[in-house]
PDB file of N, CA and C in Angstrom:
ATOM      1  N   UNK A   1      -4.009  -0.583 -12.495  1.00  0.00           N
ATOM      2  CA  UNK A   1      -2.931  -2.132 -11.970  1.00  0.00           C
ATOM      3  C   UNK A   1      -3.769  -2.349 -10.476  1.00  0.00           C
ATOM      4  N   UNK A   2      -3.772  -3.805 -10.672  1.00  0.00           N
ATOM      5  CA  UNK A   2      -4.202  -4.907  -9.418  1.00  0.00           C
ATOM      6  C   UNK A   2      -3.839  -4.481  -8.099  1.00  0.00           C
ATOM      7  N   UNK A   3      -4.574  -4.691  -7.271  1.00  0.00           N
ATOM      8  CA  UNK A   3      -3.907  -4.881  -5.812  1.00  0.00           C
ATOM      9  C   UNK A   3      -2.957  -5.779  -5.626  1.00  0.00           C
ATOM     10  N   UNK A   4      -2.830  -6.772  -6.389  1.00  0.00           N
ATOM     11  CA  UNK A   4      -1.622  -7.768  -6.248  1.00  0.00           C
ATOM     12  C   UNK A   4      -0.608  -6.805  -6.970  1.00  0.00           C
ATOM     13  N   UNK A   5      -0.584  -6.362  -7.875  1.00  0.00           N
ATOM     14  CA  UNK A   5       0.693  -5.859  -8.500  1.00  0.00           C
ATOM     15  C   UNK A   5       1.178  -4.800  -7.699  1.00  0.00           C
ATOM     16  N   UNK A   6       0.007  -3.975  -7.096  1.00  0.00           N
ATOM     17  CA  UNK A   6       0.270  -2.917  -6.281  1.00  0.00           C
ATOM     18  C   UNK A   6       1.659  -3.309  -4.885  1.00  0.00           C
ATOM     19  N   UNK A   7       1.105  -4.828  -4.365  1.00  0.00           N
ATOM     20  CA  UNK A   7       1.433  -4.842  -3.124  1.00  0.00           C
ATOM     21  C   UNK A   7       2.835  -5.558  -3.899  1.00  0.00           C
ATOM     22  N   UNK A   8       2.811  -6.084  -5.103  1.00  0.00           N
ATOM     23  CA  UNK A   8       4.398  -6.713  -5.120  1.00  0.00           C
ATOM     24  C   UNK A   8       5.485  -5.369  -5.277  1.00  0.00           C
ATOM     25  N   UNK A   9       4.761  -3.954  -5.715  1.00  0.00           N
ATOM     26  CA  UNK A   9       5.511  -2.932  -5.736  1.00  0.00           C
ATOM     27  C   UNK A   9       5.933  -2.120  -4.687  1.00  0.00           C
ATOM     28  N   UNK A  10       4.987  -2.315  -3.500  1.00  0.00           N
ATOM     29  CA  UNK A  10       5.598  -2.084  -1.942  1.00  0.00           C
ATOM     30  C   UNK A  10       6.479  -3.310  -1.709  1.00  0.00           C
ATOM     31  N   UNK A  11       6.553  -4.484  -1.834  1.00  0.00           N
ATOM     32  CA  UNK A  11       7.335  -5.310  -1.401  1.00  0.00           C
ATOM     33  C   UNK A  11       9.069  -4.687  -1.946  1.00  0.00           C
ATOM     34  N   UNK A  12       8.746  -4.416  -3.792  1.00  0.00           N
ATOM     35  CA  UNK A  12      10.307  -4.348  -3.868  1.00  0.00           C
ATOM     36  C   UNK A  12      10.627  -2.776  -3.260  1.00  0.00           C
ATOM     37  N   UNK A  13       9.995  -1.909  -2.746  1.00  0.00           N
ATOM     38  CA  UNK A  13      10.486  -0.969  -2.247  1.00  0.00           C
ATOM     39  C   UNK A  13      10.589  -0.919  -0.523  1.00  0.00           C
ATOM     40  N   UNK A  14      10.412  -2.188  -0.104  1.00  0.00           N
ATOM     41  CA  UNK A  14      11.130  -2.440   1.354  1.00  0.00           C
ATOM     42  C   UNK A  14       9.859  -2.524   2.308  1.00  0.00           C
ATOM     43  N   UNK A  15       8.552  -2.128   1.646  1.00  0.00           N
ATOM     44  CA  UNK A  15       7.435  -2.087   2.713  1.00  0.00           C
ATOM     45  C   UNK A  15       6.752  -3.617   2.602  1.00  0.00           C
ATOM     46  N   UNK A  16       6.352  -3.833   3.944  1.00  0.00           N
ATOM     47  CA  UNK A  16       5.705  -5.344   4.386  1.00  0.00           C
ATOM     48  C   UNK A  16       4.364  -4.866   5.269  1.00  0.00           C
ATOM     49  N   UNK A  17       3.690  -6.313   4.959  1.00  0.00           N
ATOM     50  CA  UNK A  17       2.541  -6.561   5.721  1.00  0.00           C
ATOM     51  C   UNK A  17       2.872  -6.652   7.060  1.00  0.00           C
ATOM     52  N   UNK A  18       2.000  -5.996   8.130  1.00  0.00           N
ATOM     53  CA  UNK A  18       2.419  -6.162   9.718  1.00  0.00           C
ATOM     54  C   UNK A  18       0.994  -6.871  10.151  1.00  0.00           C
ATOM     55  N   UNK A  19      -0.084  -6.704   9.402  1.00  0.00           N
ATOM     56  CA  UNK A  19      -0.946  -7.054  10.237  1.00  0.00           C
ATOM     57  C   UNK A  19      -2.224  -7.575   9.520  1.00  0.00           C
ATOM     58  N   UNK A  20      -3.518  -8.092   9.753  1.00  0.00           N
ATOM     59  CA  UNK A  20      -4.697  -7.577   9.076  1.00  0.00           C
ATOM     60  C   UNK A  20      -5.766  -6.913   9.937  1.00  0.00           C
ATOM     61  N   UNK A  21      -6.257  -6.652   9.563  1.00  0.00           N
ATOM     62  CA  UNK A  21      -7.768  -6.025  10.184  1.00  0.00           C
ATOM     63  C   UNK A  21      -9.006  -6.481   9.567  1.00  0.00           C
ATOM     64  N   UNK A  22     -10.057  -5.959  10.017  1.00  0.00           N
ATOM     65  CA  UNK A  22     -11.382  -6.846   9.504  1.00  0.00           C
ATOM     66  C   UNK A  22     -11.732  -6.402   8.083  1.00  0.00           C
ATOM     67  N   UNK A  23     -10.917  -5.492   7.306  1.00  0.00           N
ATOM     68  CA  UNK A  23     -11.187  -5.387   5.913  1.00  0.00           C
ATOM     69  C   UNK A  23     -10.183  -5.090   5.404  1.00  0.00           C
ATOM     70  N   UNK A  24      -9.127  -4.611   5.902  1.00  0.00           N
ATOM     71  CA  UNK A  24      -7.891  -4.066   5.138  1.00  0.00           C
ATOM     72  C   UNK A  24      -6.649  -5.033   5.817  1.00  0.00           C
ATOM     73  N   UNK A  25      -5.503  -4.717   4.927  1.00  0.00           N
ATOM     74  CA  UNK A  25      -4.243  -5.501   5.682  1.00  0.00           C
ATOM     75  C   UNK A  25      -3.607  -4.319   5.990  1.00  0.00           C
ATOM     76  N   UNK A  26      -2.787  -4.425   6.890  1.00  0.00           N
ATOM     77  CA  UNK A  26      -2.154  -3.408   7.503  1.00  0.00           C
ATOM     78  C   UNK A  26      -0.440  -3.380   6.888  1.00  0.00           C
ATOM     79  N   UNK A  27      -0.208  -2.220   6.331  1.00  0.00           N
ATOM     80  CA  UNK A  27       1.229  -2.358   5.935  1.00  0.00           C
ATOM     81  C   UNK A  27       2.294  -1.487   6.552  1.00  0.00           C
ATOM     82  N   UNK A  28       3.452  -1.657   6.355  1.00  0.00           N
ATOM     83  CA  UNK A  28       4.372  -0.599   7.123  1.00  0.00           C
ATOM     84  C   UNK A  28       5.672   0.034   6.334  1.00  0.00           C
ATOM     85  N   UNK A  29       5.613   1.151   6.374  1.00  0.00           N
ATOM     86  CA  UNK A  29       6.888   1.540   5.362  1.00  0.00           C
ATOM     87  C   UNK A  29       8.051   2.623   6.319  1.00  0.00           C
ATOM     88  N   UNK A  30       9.095   2.173   6.079  1.00  0.00           N
ATOM     89  CA  UNK A  30       9.899   2.515   7.284  1.00  0.00           C
ATOM     90  C   UNK A  30      10.248   3.918   6.432  1.00  0.00           C
ATOM     91  N   UNK A  31      10.144   4.409   5.418  1.00  0.00           N
ATOM     92  CA  UNK A  31      10.243   6.066   4.931  1.00  0.00           C
ATOM     93  C   UNK A  31       9.550   6.948   5.629  1.00  0.00           C
ATOM     94  N   UNK A  32       8.205   6.594   6.279  1.00  0.00           N
ATOM     95  CA  UNK A  32       7.015   7.145   6.227  1.00  0.00           C
ATOM     96  C   UNK A  32       7.014   6.827   7.883  1.00  0.00           C
ATOM     97  N   UNK A  33       7.588   5.616   8.558  1.00  0.00           N
ATOM     98  CA  UNK A  33       7.815   5.255   9.910  1.00  0.00           C
ATOM     99  C   UNK A  33       6.224   4.863  10.197  1.00  0.00           C
ATOM    100  N   UNK A  34       5.328   4.759   9.720  1.00  0.00           N
ATOM    101  CA  UNK A  34       4.078   4.724  10.140  1.00  0.00           C
ATOM    102  C   UNK A  34       3.400   3.411   9.482  1.00  0.00           C
ATOM    103  N   UNK A  35       2.332   2.597   9.728  1.00  0.00           N
ATOM    104  CA  UNK A  35       1.686   2.038   9.063  1.00  0.00           C
ATOM    105  C   UNK A  35       0.449   2.601   8.475  1.00  0.00           C
ATOM    106  N   UNK A  36       0.280   1.719   7.236  1.00  0.00           N
ATOM    107  CA  UNK A  36      -0.806   2.202   6.128  1.00  0.00           C
ATOM    108  C   UNK A  36      -1.648   1.069   5.760  1.00  0.00           C
ATOM    109  N   UNK A  37      -3.232   1.241   5.648  1.00  0.00           N
ATOM    110  CA  UNK A  37      -4.317   0.063   4.924  1.00  0.00           C
ATOM    111  C   UNK A  37      -4.011  -0.307   3.478  1.00  0.00           C
ATOM    112  N   UNK A  38      -4.283  -1.310   3.085  1.00  0.00           N
ATOM    113  CA  UNK A  38      -4.372  -1.563   1.628  1.00  0.00           C
ATOM    114  C   UNK A  38      -5.583  -2.435   1.575  1.00  0.00           C
ATOM    115  N   UNK A  39      -6.595  -2.453   0.778  1.00  0.00           N
ATOM    116  CA  UNK A  39      -7.728  -3.117   0.694  1.00  0.00           C
ATOM    117  C   UNK A  39      -7.292  -4.787   0.246  1.00  0.00           C
ATOM    118  N   UNK A  40      -7.942  -5.551   0.640  1.00  0.00           N
ATOM    119  CA  UNK A  40      -7.986  -7.031   0.494  1.00  0.00           C
ATOM    120  C   UNK A  40      -8.434  -7.626  -1.198  1.00  0.00           C
ATOM    121  N   UNK A  41      -8.305  -6.862  -2.215  1.00  0.00           N
ATOM    122  CA  UNK A  41      -8.812  -6.971  -3.246  1.00  0.00           C
ATOM    123  C   UNK A  41      -7.904  -6.893  -4.474  1.00  0.00           C
ATOM    124  N   UNK A  42      -7.447  -8.517  -3.965  1.00  0.00           N
ATOM    125  CA  UNK A  42      -6.265  -8.639  -5.118  1.00  0.00           C
ATOM    126  C   UNK A  42      -6.431  -8.372  -6.632  1.00  0.00           C
ATOM    127  N   UNK A  43      -7.897  -9.328  -7.225  1.00  0.00           N
ATOM    128  CA  UNK A  43      -7.980  -9.445  -8.653  1.00  0.00           C
ATOM    129  C   UNK A  43      -8.312  -7.882  -9.042  1.00  0.00           C
ATOM    130  N   UNK A  44      -8.731  -7.099  -8.064  1.00  0.00           N
ATOM    131  CA  UNK A  44      -9.479  -5.705  -8.660  1.00  0.00           C
ATOM    132  C   UNK A  44      -8.509  -4.658  -8.902  1.00  0.00           C
ATOM    133  N   UNK A  45      -8.691  -3.667  -9.977  1.00  0.00           N
ATOM    134  CA  UNK A  45      -7.895  -2.437 -10.425  1.00  0.00           C
ATOM    135  C   UNK A  45      -8.210  -1.644  -8.911  1.00  0.00           C
ATOM    136  N   UNK A  46      -6.906  -0.727  -8.746  1.00  0.00           N
ATOM    137  CA  UNK A  46      -6.640  -0.347  -7.955  1.00  0.00           C
ATOM    138  C   UNK A  46      -7.434   1.143  -8.471  1.00  0.00           C
ATOM    139  N   UNK A  47      -8.416   2.177  -7.615  1.00  0.00           N
ATOM    140  CA  UNK A  47      -8.678   3.451  -8.488  1.00  0.00           C
ATOM    141  C   UNK A  47      -7.311   4.088  -8.103  1.00  0.00           C
ATOM    142  N   UNK A  48      -7.439   5.033  -8.855  1.00  0.00           N
ATOM    143  CA  UNK A  48      -5.960   6.333  -9.453  1.00  0.00           C
ATOM    144  C   UNK A  48      -5.960   6.910  -7.981  1.00  0.00           C
ATOM    145  N   UNK A  49      -6.733   7.417  -7.121  1.00  0.00           N
ATOM    146  CA  UNK A  49      -7.104   8.241  -5.936  1.00  0.00           C
ATOM    147  C   UNK A  49      -6.031   7.665  -5.082  1.00  0.00           C
ATOM    148  N   UNK A  50      -6.886   6.098  -5.144  1.00  0.00           N
ATOM    149  CA  UNK A  50      -6.512   5.191  -4.020  1.00  0.00           C
ATOM    150  C   UNK A  50      -4.904   4.912  -4.053  1.00  0.00           C
ATOM    151  N   UNK A  51      -4.473   4.642  -5.394  1.00  0.00           N
ATOM    152  CA  UNK A  51      -3.185   4.214  -5.583  1.00  0.00           C
ATOM    153  C   UNK A  51      -2.212   5.360  -5.132  1.00  0.00           C
ATOM    154  N   UNK A  52      -2.718   6.510  -5.730  1.00  0.00           N
ATOM    155  CA  UNK A  52      -1.874   7.533  -5.131  1.00  0.00           C
ATOM    156  C   UNK A  52      -1.636   7.879  -3.596  1.00  0.00           C
ATOM    157  N   UNK A  53      -2.593   7.705  -3.201  1.00  0.00           N
ATOM    158  CA  UNK A  53      -2.822   7.733  -1.399  1.00  0.00           C
ATOM    159  C   UNK A  53      -2.266   6.905  -0.867  1.00  0.00           C
ATOM    160  N   UNK A  54      -1.929   5.656  -1.292  1.00  0.00           N
ATOM    161  CA  UNK A  54      -1.422   4.407  -0.840  1.00  0.00           C
ATOM    162  C   UNK A  54       0.235   4.770  -1.060  1.00  0.00           C
ATOM    163  N   UNK A  55       0.829   5.281  -2.313  1.00  0.00           N
ATOM    164  CA  UNK A  55       2.133   5.691  -2.400  1.00  0.00           C
ATOM    165  C   UNK A  55       2.457   6.788  -1.854  1.00  0.00           C
ATOM    166  N   UNK A  56       2.065   8.032  -1.527  1.00  0.00           N
ATOM    167  CA  UNK A  56       1.955   8.926  -0.339  1.00  0.00           C
ATOM    168  C   UNK A  56       2.401   8.052   1.095  1.00  0.00           C
ATOM    169  N   UNK A  57       1.451   7.125   1.580  1.00  0.00           N
ATOM    170  CA  UNK A  57       1.180   6.889   2.920  1.00  0.00           C
ATOM    171  C   UNK A  57       2.531   6.191   3.246  1.00  0.00           C
ATOM    172  N   UNK A  58       3.009   5.261   1.978  1.00  0.00           N
ATOM    173  CA  UNK A  58       3.882   4.411   2.087  1.00  0.00           C
ATOM    174  C   UNK A  58       5.101   5.253   1.935  1.00  0.00           C
ATOM    175  N   UNK A  59       5.273   6.317   1.663  1.00  0.00           N
ATOM    176  CA  UNK A  59       6.817   6.748   1.461  1.00  0.00           C
ATOM    177  C   UNK A  59       7.303   6.928  -0.080  1.00  0.00           C
ATOM    178  N   UNK A  60       6.612   6.008  -0.594  1.00  0.00           N
ATOM    179  CA  UNK A  60       7.374   5.784  -2.149  1.00  0.00           C
ATOM    180  C   UNK A  60       7.129   7.089  -3.116  1.00  0.00           C
ATOM    181  N   UNK A  61       6.111   7.774  -2.905  1.00  0.00           N
ATOM    182  CA  UNK A  61       5.902   9.383  -3.853  1.00  0.00           C
ATOM    183  C   UNK A  61       6.060  10.336  -2.800  1.00  0.00           C
ATOM    184  N   UNK A  62       6.522  11.237  -2.768  1.00  0.00           N
ATOM    185  CA  UNK A  62       6.868  12.616  -2.041  1.00  0.00           C
ATOM    186  C   UNK A  62       5.630  13.427  -2.212  1.00  0.00           C
ATOM    187  N   UNK A  63       5.088  14.347  -1.566  1.00  0.00           N
ATOM    188  CA  UNK A  63       4.265  15.505  -1.631  1.00  0.00           C
ATOM    189  C   UNK A  63       4.567  16.074  -2.746  1.00  0.00           C
ATOM    190  N   UNK A  64       3.574  16.783  -4.136  1.00  0.00           N
ATOM    191  CA  UNK A  64       3.905  17.728  -4.453  1.00  0.00           C
ATOM    192  C   UNK A  64       4.311  17.184  -5.936  1.00  0.00           C
TER     193      UNK A  64
END
């Protein structure tokens, strides 16, 4: 999955971008009630571990 596709998935689940850092975008998940970073590599594939970590931090995927 590309970063651009991941961002579409996050938007579909009600997550939104809240700001820009020096190397990452900052997003917010209402389920987790905390911000989480996403890289700005829109055309690149998201590594599997990074993908899973983002889903956990965003509250889309539960632990376990």
